[in-house]
Protein backbone atom coordinates (compact mmCIF):
# COMPACT_ATOMS: atom_id res chain seq x y z
CA MET A 1 -12.09 -6.68 18.05
CA GLY A 2 -10.75 -3.23 18.91
CA PHE A 3 -12.75 -0.14 18.02
CA GLU A 4 -10.13 0.93 15.48
CA LYS A 5 -10.57 -2.37 13.62
CA VAL A 6 -14.32 -1.82 13.43
CA VAL A 7 -13.67 1.65 12.01
CA PHE A 8 -11.17 0.23 9.52
CA ALA A 9 -13.63 -2.42 8.32
CA ALA A 10 -16.48 0.07 8.00
CA ALA A 11 -14.30 2.66 6.26
CA THR A 12 -12.98 0.08 3.82
CA ALA A 13 -16.46 -1.22 3.01
CA GLY A 14 -17.83 2.30 2.57
CA THR A 15 -14.94 3.30 0.33
CA ILE A 16 -15.30 0.27 -1.93
CA ILE A 17 -19.08 0.64 -2.16
CA GLY A 18 -18.67 4.34 -2.92
CA ALA A 19 -16.26 3.54 -5.74
CA LEU A 20 -18.42 0.80 -7.24
CA THR A 21 -21.58 2.93 -7.15
CA GLY A 22 -20.01 6.26 -8.01
CA ARG A 23 -21.00 7.81 -4.67
CA GLU A 24 -18.18 10.26 -4.16
CA ARG A 25 -19.71 11.70 -0.97
CA LEU A 26 -19.54 8.29 0.67
CA GLN A 27 -15.88 7.99 -0.29
CA LYS A 28 -15.15 11.45 1.09
CA VAL A 29 -16.46 10.33 4.46
CA ALA A 30 -15.06 6.78 4.54
CA LYS A 31 -11.75 6.79 2.70
CA PRO A 32 -9.90 9.28 4.93
CA LEU A 33 -10.54 6.95 7.90
CA ILE A 34 -8.73 3.90 6.51
CA ALA A 35 -5.14 4.86 7.34
CA PRO A 36 -5.91 6.76 10.57
CA SER A 37 -7.75 3.73 11.99
CA LEU A 38 -4.61 1.68 11.41
CA ALA A 39 -2.52 4.45 12.99
CA VAL A 40 -4.64 4.24 16.15
CA GLY A 41 -3.70 0.57 16.45
CA VAL A 42 -0.04 1.53 16.14
CA LEU A 43 -0.37 4.27 18.74
CA ARG A 44 -1.91 1.85 21.21
CA ARG A 45 1.37 -0.07 21.19
CA GLY A 46 3.24 2.70 22.99
CA PRO A 47 4.99 6.07 22.56
CA VAL A 48 5.56 7.40 19.06
CA SER A 49 9.23 6.74 18.49
CA GLY A 50 11.38 4.55 16.28
CA ASP A 51 9.30 2.11 14.26
CA ARG A 52 6.00 3.51 15.46
CA ALA A 53 6.97 7.02 14.35
CA LEU A 54 7.77 5.71 10.87
CA LEU A 55 4.48 3.84 10.67
CA VAL A 56 2.38 6.77 11.89
CA GLY A 57 4.22 9.15 9.56
CA GLY A 58 3.71 6.80 6.64
CA LEU A 59 0.01 6.44 7.42
CA ALA A 60 -0.35 10.23 7.68
CA ALA A 61 1.11 10.53 4.16
CA ALA A 62 -1.21 7.73 3.00
CA THR A 63 -4.20 9.65 4.36
CA VAL A 64 -3.25 12.67 2.26
CA GLY A 65 -2.88 10.41 -0.76
CA ASP A 66 -6.22 8.75 -0.09
CA VAL A 67 -8.00 12.11 -0.03
CA LEU A 68 -6.29 13.26 -3.23
CA LEU A 69 -7.18 10.04 -5.04
CA ILE A 70 -10.89 10.13 -4.28
CA ASP A 71 -11.09 11.41 -7.87
CA PRO A 72 -8.54 9.16 -9.63
CA ASP A 73 -9.37 10.59 -13.05
CA ASP A 74 -7.98 14.03 -12.21
CA ASP A 75 -4.35 13.83 -13.38
CA ARG A 76 -3.14 16.61 -11.09
CA ARG A 77 -4.59 14.85 -8.07
CA LEU A 78 -3.22 11.52 -9.30
CA ILE A 79 0.31 12.94 -9.46
CA ALA A 80 -0.01 14.64 -6.07
CA GLY A 81 -1.43 11.43 -4.57
CA ALA A 82 1.47 9.41 -5.97
CA SER A 83 3.87 11.86 -4.32
CA SER A 84 2.15 11.36 -0.96
CA PHE A 85 2.33 7.60 -1.30
CA ALA A 86 6.00 7.87 -2.23
CA VAL A 87 6.54 9.41 1.22
CA MET A 88 4.63 6.51 2.77
CA GLN A 89 6.64 3.89 0.85
CA THR A 90 9.88 5.59 1.91
CA SER A 91 8.78 5.46 5.55
CA TYR A 92 7.95 1.77 5.26
CA ALA A 93 11.24 1.02 3.49
CA THR A 94 13.20 2.84 6.20
CA LEU A 95 11.47 0.80 8.92
CA LEU A 96 12.15 -2.45 7.08
CA ARG A 97 15.81 -1.62 6.61
CA ARG A 98 16.03 -0.98 10.36
CA HIS A 99 15.05 -4.62 10.76
CA HIS A 100 17.69 -5.77 8.27
CA ALA A 101 15.25 -6.63 5.47
CA ARG A 102 17.01 -7.32 2.18
CA PRO A 103 15.66 -7.47 -1.39
CA THR A 104 15.59 -10.97 -2.84
CA VAL A 105 15.66 -12.11 -6.46
CA PRO A 106 12.11 -13.61 -6.31
CA ALA A 107 10.84 -10.25 -5.06
CA VAL A 108 12.86 -7.89 -7.26
CA ALA A 109 12.71 -9.68 -10.62
CA PRO A 110 8.92 -9.58 -11.22
CA ARG A 111 8.73 -6.01 -9.91
CA ALA A 112 11.49 -4.88 -12.25
CA LEU A 113 9.74 -6.50 -15.20
CA GLY A 114 6.42 -4.99 -14.13
CA TRP A 115 7.99 -1.55 -13.79
CA VAL A 116 9.46 -1.76 -17.31
CA GLY A 117 6.13 -2.94 -18.74
CA GLY A 118 4.19 -0.28 -16.86
CA ALA A 119 6.59 2.44 -17.98
CA ALA A 120 6.20 1.41 -21.62
CA LEU A 121 2.40 1.40 -21.34
CA MET A 122 2.28 4.77 -19.64
CA ARG A 123 4.69 6.35 -22.11
CA ALA A 124 2.55 5.14 -24.99
CA LYS A 125 -0.93 5.70 -23.58
CA ALA A 126 -0.68 8.32 -20.82
CA PRO A 127 2.56 10.28 -21.27
CA GLU A 128 1.25 13.21 -19.22
CA VAL A 129 1.50 11.20 -15.99
CA ALA A 130 4.12 8.62 -16.96
CA THR A 131 7.20 10.21 -15.38
CA PRO A 132 5.80 10.92 -11.87
CA LEU A 133 4.00 7.57 -11.68
CA MET A 134 7.08 5.65 -12.73
CA ALA A 135 9.14 7.58 -10.18
CA TYR A 136 6.62 6.50 -7.55
CA GLY A 137 6.95 2.97 -8.89
CA VAL A 138 10.60 2.95 -7.81
CA THR A 139 9.64 3.69 -4.19
CA LEU A 140 6.87 1.07 -4.38
CA ALA A 141 9.23 -1.58 -5.74
CA THR A 142 11.86 -0.77 -3.11
CA ALA A 143 9.50 -0.96 -0.14
CA THR A 144 7.60 -4.03 -1.31
CA SER A 145 10.78 -5.89 -2.23
CA LEU A 146 12.11 -5.31 1.29
CA ALA A 147 8.74 -6.31 2.76
CA SER A 148 8.89 -9.57 0.83
CA ASP A 149 12.02 -10.73 2.65
CA PRO A 150 10.97 -13.96 4.41
CA ALA A 151 13.60 -13.32 7.08
CA LEU A 152 11.16 -10.81 8.62
CA ALA A 153 9.05 -13.77 9.75
CA PRO A 154 11.42 -16.30 11.29
CA GLY A 155 9.88 -19.73 11.53
CA ALA A 156 7.26 -19.16 8.83
CA PRO A 157 7.30 -21.60 5.89
CA VAL A 158 8.61 -20.13 2.63
CA ARG A 159 7.23 -20.74 -0.86
CA ALA A 160 8.61 -19.11 -4.01
CA GLY A 161 10.76 -16.86 -1.86
CA LEU A 162 7.80 -15.48 0.12
CA ALA A 163 6.73 -16.25 3.68
CA VAL A 164 3.51 -18.26 3.83
CA PRO A 165 0.97 -16.46 6.08
CA THR A 166 0.51 -18.07 9.48
CA ALA A 167 -0.89 -16.92 12.81
CA ASP A 168 2.17 -14.68 13.18
CA PRO A 169 1.29 -11.22 11.76
CA ARG A 170 4.90 -10.80 10.61
CA SER A 171 4.38 -13.64 8.14
CA ARG A 172 1.73 -11.53 6.37
CA ILE A 173 4.03 -8.60 5.59
CA GLY A 174 5.00 -10.23 2.31
CA LEU A 175 1.35 -10.79 1.41
CA GLY A 176 0.70 -7.11 2.08
CA ALA A 177 3.59 -6.21 -0.21
CA LEU A 178 2.18 -8.43 -2.95
CA LEU A 179 -1.29 -6.90 -2.64
CA PHE A 180 0.12 -3.37 -2.71
CA THR A 181 1.98 -4.20 -5.91
CA VAL A 182 -1.20 -5.62 -7.44
CA SER A 183 -3.23 -2.59 -6.35
CA ASP A 184 -0.84 -0.09 -7.90
CA GLY A 185 -0.49 -2.21 -11.02
CA LEU A 186 -4.25 -2.03 -11.40
CA ILE A 187 -4.02 1.77 -11.26
CA VAL A 188 -1.87 1.69 -14.39
CA LEU A 189 -4.19 -0.77 -16.13
CA ARG A 190 -7.25 1.33 -15.19
CA LYS A 191 -5.60 4.47 -16.53
CA VAL A 192 -4.62 2.84 -19.80
CA PHE A 193 -7.44 0.42 -20.58
CA ALA A 194 -10.66 1.36 -18.73
CA ARG A 195 -12.79 3.15 -21.27
CA ASP A 196 -16.32 3.46 -19.88
CA GLU A 197 -17.70 4.41 -16.48
CA SER A 198 -18.61 0.84 -15.55
CA GLN A 199 -15.09 -0.44 -16.21
CA ARG A 200 -13.55 2.43 -14.27
CA ARG A 201 -15.79 1.80 -11.25
CA ILE A 202 -15.10 -1.93 -11.15
CA ALA A 203 -11.37 -1.36 -11.53
CA GLU A 204 -11.42 1.28 -8.79
CA GLY A 205 -13.27 -1.11 -6.47
CA LEU A 206 -10.57 -3.74 -7.01
CA ILE A 207 -7.82 -1.19 -6.50
CA LEU A 208 -9.29 -0.06 -3.20
CA ALA A 209 -9.99 -3.59 -1.93
CA THR A 210 -6.42 -4.75 -2.57
CA TYR A 211 -5.03 -1.47 -1.22
CA ALA A 212 -6.90 -1.68 2.08
CA ALA A 213 -5.96 -5.33 2.58
CA ALA A 214 -2.33 -4.50 1.77
CA GLN A 215 -2.21 -1.71 4.33
CA TYR A 216 -3.80 -3.94 6.97
CA PHE A 217 -1.33 -6.79 6.51
CA LEU A 218 1.69 -4.50 6.20
CA VAL A 219 0.96 -2.29 9.20
CA ASN A 220 -0.17 -5.06 11.52
CA GLY A 221 2.85 -7.10 10.54
CA MET A 222 5.44 -4.35 10.77
CA VAL A 223 4.20 -3.16 14.16
CA GLU A 224 5.00 -6.65 15.46
CA LEU A 225 8.63 -6.09 14.50
CA ASP A 226 8.75 -3.25 17.01
CA GLY A 227 10.61 -4.28 20.14
CA VAL A 228 11.86 -7.52 18.56
CA THR A 229 14.89 -6.24 16.68
CA ASP A 230 14.30 -2.52 17.08
CA THR A 231 17.53 -0.57 16.76
CA GLU A 232 16.38 2.70 18.32
């Protein structure tokens, strides 16, 4: 296991534990290391150009978002964090389009329904953050729909329009997209329904666990596309 993977695992564990126990100092140390540790793995693949530049740029934006969202109950930081992650999702979507990824009905339909449902909930329960979060939701749906294209993992079995994860990291890009969608959906549910501190901590732990796993599968899958059909 490379050193950056050890850092990623430790940072993820520390971040989740910090969220579950309310230890913000632990999160401040651990959370900003999640995306950079993945970026180190990307940088070890070669010069920063083409796909690697998009991945590193996206992870840099994710790092900013991670820092801002250490306190997810501060609406100003939540909106700023969503803006940072919109930059990341745009970077990922651009990379995927370079590899001819296309949105499919099995990927788009549930995301469209989820976006409509989330927008209605936010408008009713949290109108102060509804517009920026739903705007971010468009970038999320775009990137994750592209990432769900099973054509990105030729040879992998396909179930319900999604590549089934195999030993090929490219086959896990769709799983990463699914987990990212779940993670951000949980942010909406936490904002709307979590009422006491215990509920908020548990929800935040789930959000962070699915987020870290999503980033891992997405980045380690997309970096494998580099040099295969790279158009630079």
